[in-house]
N, C-alpha and C. Protein backbone atom coordinates (compact mmCIF):
# COMPACT_ATOMS: atom_id res chain seq x y z
N UNK A 1 110.94 188.84 -39.50
CA UNK A 1 109.76 188.49 -40.64
C UNK A 1 108.53 189.77 -41.02
N UNK A 2 108.03 189.67 -41.43
CA UNK A 2 106.89 190.77 -41.91
C UNK A 2 105.50 190.06 -42.37
N UNK A 3 104.57 190.61 -41.49
CA UNK A 3 103.42 190.35 -41.19
C UNK A 3 102.07 190.86 -42.28
N UNK A 4 101.36 190.38 -43.42
CA UNK A 4 100.66 191.68 -44.61
C UNK A 4 99.44 191.44 -44.29
N UNK A 5 98.89 192.71 -43.60
CA UNK A 5 97.45 192.14 -44.27
C UNK A 5 97.13 193.55 -45.43
N UNK A 6 96.13 192.57 -46.20
CA UNK A 6 95.75 192.95 -47.69
C UNK A 6 94.42 193.31 -47.67
N UNK A 7 93.76 194.58 -48.12
CA UNK A 7 92.49 194.37 -48.06
C UNK A 7 91.38 194.54 -47.20
N UNK A 8 91.53 194.32 -46.23
CA UNK A 8 90.59 194.52 -44.80
C UNK A 8 89.86 195.34 -45.28
N UNK A 9 88.58 195.07 -45.07
CA UNK A 9 87.32 196.11 -45.54
C UNK A 9 86.58 195.32 -44.26
N UNK A 10 85.98 196.76 -43.87
CA UNK A 10 84.59 196.91 -42.57
C UNK A 10 84.33 198.12 -42.94
N UNK A 11 83.06 199.15 -42.18
CA UNK A 11 82.14 199.49 -42.22
C UNK A 11 82.63 200.21 -40.92
N UNK A 12 82.63 201.94 -40.88
CA UNK A 12 83.04 202.06 -39.78
C UNK A 12 82.77 203.83 -40.18
N UNK A 13 82.31 205.08 -38.77
CA UNK A 13 81.90 206.24 -38.46
C UNK A 13 83.90 206.89 -39.38
N UNK A 14 84.10 207.79 -40.01
CA UNK A 14 85.05 208.25 -40.30
C UNK A 14 85.00 209.60 -41.22
N UNK A 15 85.38 210.67 -40.63
CA UNK A 15 85.75 212.15 -41.65
C UNK A 15 84.89 212.81 -41.27
N UNK A 16 84.86 214.07 -42.15
CA UNK A 16 84.53 215.70 -41.00
C UNK A 16 83.39 216.19 -41.39
N UNK A 17 82.98 215.46 -42.30
CA UNK A 17 81.90 215.85 -43.03
C UNK A 17 80.26 215.32 -42.69
N UNK A 18 79.12 216.14 -42.70
CA UNK A 18 77.92 216.22 -41.67
C UNK A 18 77.36 214.08 -41.96
N UNK A 19 77.65 214.06 -43.47
CA UNK A 19 76.99 212.64 -43.55
C UNK A 19 78.02 211.34 -43.25
N UNK A 20 79.13 211.46 -43.29
CA UNK A 20 80.36 211.09 -42.97
C UNK A 20 80.17 210.58 -41.06
N UNK A 21 79.33 211.77 -40.34
CA UNK A 21 78.91 211.32 -39.26
C UNK A 21 78.30 210.50 -38.36
N UNK A 22 77.59 210.49 -40.01
CA UNK A 22 76.13 209.62 -39.32
C UNK A 22 75.55 208.00 -40.08
N UNK A 23 76.36 207.56 -41.07
CA UNK A 23 76.15 206.48 -41.39
C UNK A 23 77.62 206.25 -41.82
N UNK A 24 78.10 204.62 -41.13
CA UNK A 24 78.84 204.07 -41.95
C UNK A 24 79.62 203.92 -42.92
N UNK A 25 80.73 204.13 -43.48
CA UNK A 25 81.22 204.10 -44.37
C UNK A 25 82.25 203.04 -44.52
N UNK A 26 82.36 202.35 -46.20
CA UNK A 26 83.43 201.90 -46.16
C UNK A 26 85.00 202.20 -46.03
N UNK A 27 85.81 201.15 -45.23
CA UNK A 27 87.56 201.06 -45.45
C UNK A 27 88.39 200.11 -45.75
N UNK A 28 89.42 200.52 -45.77
CA UNK A 28 90.02 199.20 -46.40
C UNK A 28 91.27 199.35 -46.22
N UNK A 29 91.76 198.74 -45.42
CA UNK A 29 93.44 198.44 -44.45
C UNK A 29 94.11 197.63 -45.36
N UNK A 30 95.68 198.69 -45.40
CA UNK A 30 96.66 197.87 -45.52
C UNK A 30 97.85 197.53 -44.91
N UNK A 31 98.29 196.76 -44.33
CA UNK A 31 98.79 196.88 -43.55
C UNK A 31 100.33 195.97 -43.63
N UNK A 32 101.71 196.36 -43.18
CA UNK A 32 102.58 195.76 -42.80
C UNK A 32 103.02 195.49 -41.75
N UNK A 33 103.80 194.82 -41.10
CA UNK A 33 104.38 194.84 -39.85
C UNK A 33 105.37 194.26 -39.49
N UNK A 34 106.75 194.76 -39.49
CA UNK A 34 107.93 194.48 -39.15
C UNK A 34 108.32 193.86 -38.07
N UNK A 35 108.65 192.60 -38.12
CA UNK A 35 109.17 192.29 -36.03
C UNK A 35 110.30 191.18 -35.53
N UNK A 36 111.39 190.79 -34.61
CA UNK A 36 111.60 190.09 -34.85
C UNK A 36 111.29 188.99 -33.99
N UNK A 37 111.77 188.35 -35.07
CA UNK A 37 110.55 186.54 -34.46
C UNK A 37 111.44 186.24 -34.24
N UNK A 38 111.27 185.43 -33.15
CA UNK A 38 112.70 184.79 -32.14
C UNK A 38 111.00 183.43 -31.77
N UNK A 39 110.70 183.42 -30.55
CA UNK A 39 110.00 182.12 -30.14
C UNK A 39 108.93 182.36 -30.04
N UNK A 40 108.24 183.63 -30.03
CA UNK A 40 107.26 184.18 -30.10
C UNK A 40 106.57 184.82 -31.11
N UNK A 41 105.32 184.67 -31.66
CA UNK A 41 104.44 185.16 -32.52
C UNK A 41 103.96 186.45 -32.75
N UNK A 42 103.80 187.35 -33.47
CA UNK A 42 102.41 187.73 -33.75
C UNK A 42 101.37 187.50 -34.55
N UNK A 43 100.19 187.47 -33.37
CA UNK A 43 98.95 187.07 -33.54
C UNK A 43 98.59 187.96 -35.22
N UNK A 44 98.03 187.44 -36.25
CA UNK A 44 97.78 188.46 -36.80
C UNK A 44 96.54 188.46 -36.78
N UNK A 45 95.24 187.46 -35.84
CA UNK A 45 94.46 187.31 -36.26
C UNK A 45 93.78 188.00 -35.19
N UNK A 46 94.94 188.57 -33.80
CA UNK A 46 94.28 189.65 -32.85
C UNK A 46 94.35 191.58 -33.85
N UNK A 47 95.76 190.87 -34.53
CA UNK A 47 96.09 192.19 -35.00
C UNK A 47 94.72 193.02 -35.69
N UNK A 48 94.24 191.97 -36.69
CA UNK A 48 93.25 192.46 -37.23
C UNK A 48 91.58 192.86 -36.22
N UNK A 49 91.20 192.27 -35.75
CA UNK A 49 90.35 192.25 -34.53
C UNK A 49 90.96 194.03 -33.62
N UNK A 50 92.15 193.78 -33.94
CA UNK A 50 92.78 195.23 -32.94
C UNK A 50 92.06 196.47 -33.66
N UNK A 51 92.03 196.33 -34.59
CA UNK A 51 92.49 197.28 -36.00
C UNK A 51 91.16 197.72 -35.66
N UNK A 52 90.26 196.70 -36.50
CA UNK A 52 89.12 196.70 -36.50
C UNK A 52 88.19 197.57 -35.20
N UNK A 53 88.29 196.72 -34.19
CA UNK A 53 87.89 197.33 -32.93
C UNK A 53 88.26 198.99 -32.87
N UNK A 54 89.82 199.28 -32.90
CA UNK A 54 89.60 200.72 -32.58
C UNK A 54 89.16 201.48 -33.46
N UNK A 55 89.08 200.87 -34.39
CA UNK A 55 88.36 202.02 -35.79
C UNK A 55 86.94 202.75 -35.92
N UNK A 56 85.96 201.42 -35.51
CA UNK A 56 85.10 201.38 -35.28
C UNK A 56 84.56 202.37 -33.44
N UNK A 57 85.08 201.86 -32.93
CA UNK A 57 84.82 202.04 -31.12
C UNK A 57 85.24 203.41 -31.07
N UNK A 58 86.24 204.47 -32.53
CA UNK A 58 87.32 205.87 -31.56
C UNK A 58 86.24 206.58 -33.26
N UNK A 59 85.75 206.34 -34.03
CA UNK A 59 84.71 207.24 -34.84
C UNK A 59 86.26 208.46 -35.16
N UNK A 60 86.99 208.40 -36.04
CA UNK A 60 88.38 209.23 -36.26
C UNK A 60 87.15 210.21 -37.01
N UNK A 61 87.40 211.48 -36.91
CA UNK A 61 87.44 212.74 -37.99
C UNK A 61 88.28 212.83 -39.04
N UNK A 62 89.44 212.14 -38.79
CA UNK A 62 90.62 212.12 -39.75
C UNK A 62 91.52 211.23 -39.93
N UNK A 63 90.96 210.74 -41.31
CA UNK A 63 92.41 209.35 -41.31
C UNK A 63 93.51 209.34 -41.29
N UNK A 64 94.28 210.77 -41.27
CA UNK A 64 95.44 210.53 -40.22
C UNK A 64 95.42 210.39 -38.58
N UNK A 65 94.39 210.78 -37.84
CA UNK A 65 94.22 210.64 -36.76
C UNK A 65 94.22 208.97 -36.29
N UNK A 66 93.28 208.39 -37.10
CA UNK A 66 93.52 206.76 -37.08
C UNK A 66 94.85 206.83 -37.40
N UNK A 67 95.47 206.90 -38.14
CA UNK A 67 96.80 206.18 -38.22
C UNK A 67 97.53 206.59 -37.37
N UNK A 68 98.18 207.59 -36.44
CA UNK A 68 98.54 207.52 -35.68
C UNK A 68 98.24 206.79 -34.02
N UNK A 69 96.47 207.06 -33.76
CA UNK A 69 96.33 206.03 -32.91
C UNK A 69 96.46 205.02 -33.30
N UNK A 70 96.68 204.13 -34.72
CA UNK A 70 96.67 202.74 -34.60
C UNK A 70 98.38 202.25 -34.17
N UNK A 71 98.88 203.32 -35.09
CA UNK A 71 100.18 203.06 -34.84
C UNK A 71 100.83 202.90 -33.56
N UNK A 72 100.41 203.43 -32.78
CA UNK A 72 100.66 204.00 -30.78
C UNK A 72 99.61 202.84 -30.25
N UNK A 73 99.06 202.54 -30.68
CA UNK A 73 98.60 201.53 -29.62
C UNK A 73 98.83 199.76 -30.30
N UNK A 74 99.10 199.36 -31.40
CA UNK A 74 99.53 197.89 -32.31
C UNK A 74 101.34 197.86 -31.09
N UNK A 75 101.59 199.38 -31.38
CA UNK A 75 103.71 199.70 -30.46
C UNK A 75 102.89 199.05 -29.59
N UNK A 76 102.16 199.52 -28.24
CA UNK A 76 101.92 198.84 -27.14
C UNK A 76 101.35 197.27 -27.12
N UNK A 77 100.55 197.29 -28.17
CA UNK A 77 99.93 195.85 -27.64
C UNK A 77 100.87 194.78 -27.82
N UNK A 78 102.08 194.94 -29.46
CA UNK A 78 102.60 194.39 -30.12
C UNK A 78 104.08 194.47 -29.24
N UNK A 79 105.11 194.51 -28.30
CA UNK A 79 106.56 194.59 -28.26
C UNK A 79 107.00 194.67 -28.71
N UNK A 80 106.76 193.14 -29.55
CA UNK A 80 108.10 192.71 -30.89
C UNK A 80 107.61 193.53 -31.87
N UNK A 81 106.85 194.52 -32.67
CA UNK A 81 106.87 195.31 -33.93
C UNK A 81 108.36 196.03 -33.62
N UNK A 82 108.68 196.08 -34.80
CA UNK A 82 109.81 197.14 -34.94
C UNK A 82 109.41 197.92 -35.90
N UNK A 83 108.79 197.85 -37.27
CA UNK A 83 108.07 198.78 -37.78
C UNK A 83 106.86 198.41 -38.19
N UNK A 84 106.02 199.92 -38.86
CA UNK A 84 104.81 199.14 -39.10
C UNK A 84 103.95 200.37 -41.14
N UNK A 85 104.31 200.15 -41.62
CA UNK A 85 103.44 200.96 -42.84
C UNK A 85 101.79 200.52 -43.14
N UNK A 86 101.18 201.92 -42.72
CA UNK A 86 99.53 201.08 -42.54
C UNK A 86 98.84 202.06 -43.91
N UNK A 87 98.45 201.68 -44.40
CA UNK A 87 97.60 202.84 -44.92
C UNK A 87 96.03 202.11 -45.26
N UNK A 88 95.31 203.65 -45.06
CA UNK A 88 93.90 203.11 -45.06
C UNK A 88 92.96 204.31 -46.33
N UNK A 89 92.14 204.06 -46.60
CA UNK A 89 91.61 203.92 -47.88
C UNK A 89 89.71 204.27 -47.66
N UNK A 90 89.19 205.41 -48.42
CA UNK A 90 88.35 205.46 -48.12
C UNK A 90 87.41 205.24 -49.53
N UNK A 91 86.99 203.93 -50.14
CA UNK A 91 87.07 203.74 -51.32
C UNK A 91 85.60 204.68 -52.04
N UNK A 92 85.08 205.65 -51.87
CA UNK A 92 83.69 205.46 -51.65
C UNK A 92 83.07 207.17 -51.59
N UNK A 93 84.47 207.35 -50.94
CA UNK A 93 84.04 209.07 -50.71
C UNK A 93 84.48 210.10 -51.69
N UNK A 94 84.70 209.37 -52.92
CA UNK A 94 84.60 210.29 -54.39
C UNK A 94 84.11 209.49 -54.85
N UNK A 95 83.10 210.12 -56.20
CA UNK A 95 83.30 209.42 -57.15
C UNK A 95 84.10 208.59 -58.18
N UNK A 96 84.86 209.45 -58.15
CA UNK A 96 85.82 209.06 -59.81
C UNK A 96 87.24 208.32 -59.38
N UNK A 97 87.56 208.16 -57.91
CA UNK A 97 88.47 207.55 -57.06
C UNK A 97 88.45 206.86 -55.58
N UNK A 98 89.28 206.22 -55.26
CA UNK A 98 89.37 206.28 -54.08
C UNK A 98 91.45 206.93 -53.22
N UNK A 99 90.88 207.55 -52.23
CA UNK A 99 91.42 207.76 -51.49
C UNK A 99 91.76 207.48 -50.16
N UNK A 100 93.50 207.85 -50.30
CA UNK A 100 94.13 206.75 -49.07
C UNK A 100 95.22 207.70 -48.24
N UNK A 101 95.25 207.13 -47.25
CA UNK A 101 96.37 207.98 -46.36
C UNK A 101 97.17 207.20 -46.32
N UNK A 102 98.68 207.49 -45.72
CA UNK A 102 99.48 206.34 -45.59
C UNK A 102 100.42 206.68 -44.73
N UNK A 103 101.29 205.82 -44.20
CA UNK A 103 102.21 206.36 -42.98
C UNK A 103 103.26 204.61 -42.51
N UNK A 104 104.55 204.95 -42.82
CA UNK A 104 105.43 204.32 -42.23
C UNK A 104 106.34 204.79 -41.49
N UNK A 105 105.91 203.95 -39.93
CA UNK A 105 106.38 204.56 -38.82
C UNK A 105 107.38 202.98 -38.35
N UNK A 106 109.23 204.00 -37.91
CA UNK A 106 110.27 202.85 -37.52
C UNK A 106 109.96 202.92 -35.69
N UNK A 107 109.17 202.24 -34.63
CA UNK A 107 109.60 201.93 -33.52
C UNK A 107 111.53 201.55 -33.06
N UNK A 108 111.98 202.54 -31.94
CA UNK A 108 112.91 202.09 -31.63
C UNK A 108 113.25 200.94 -31.00
N UNK A 109 114.24 200.34 -30.38
CA UNK A 109 113.85 199.03 -29.92
C UNK A 109 113.99 199.72 -28.27
């Protein structure tokens, strides 16, 4: 099974520039979680809340650090996960484009 979370938008502190450390900015999360569905399922509402809470509390300096941390924490929290394809976008950081960083991680059984 695959869970798709698309265009999850919220505000958090993320970035290394001075103005990014003082005011929350929009981020957009796109996520695909592959897992073995047997009798237990992964509650996508819990996944969304988990991501938002992690991003807001952690105030990451780099998107890359956020990707790594979210991947690790999701894998620990939801044991059925086989792989995660995660993209974090900062839609307002540059005036003429949206900037994203993504990562695809496969977890061993």
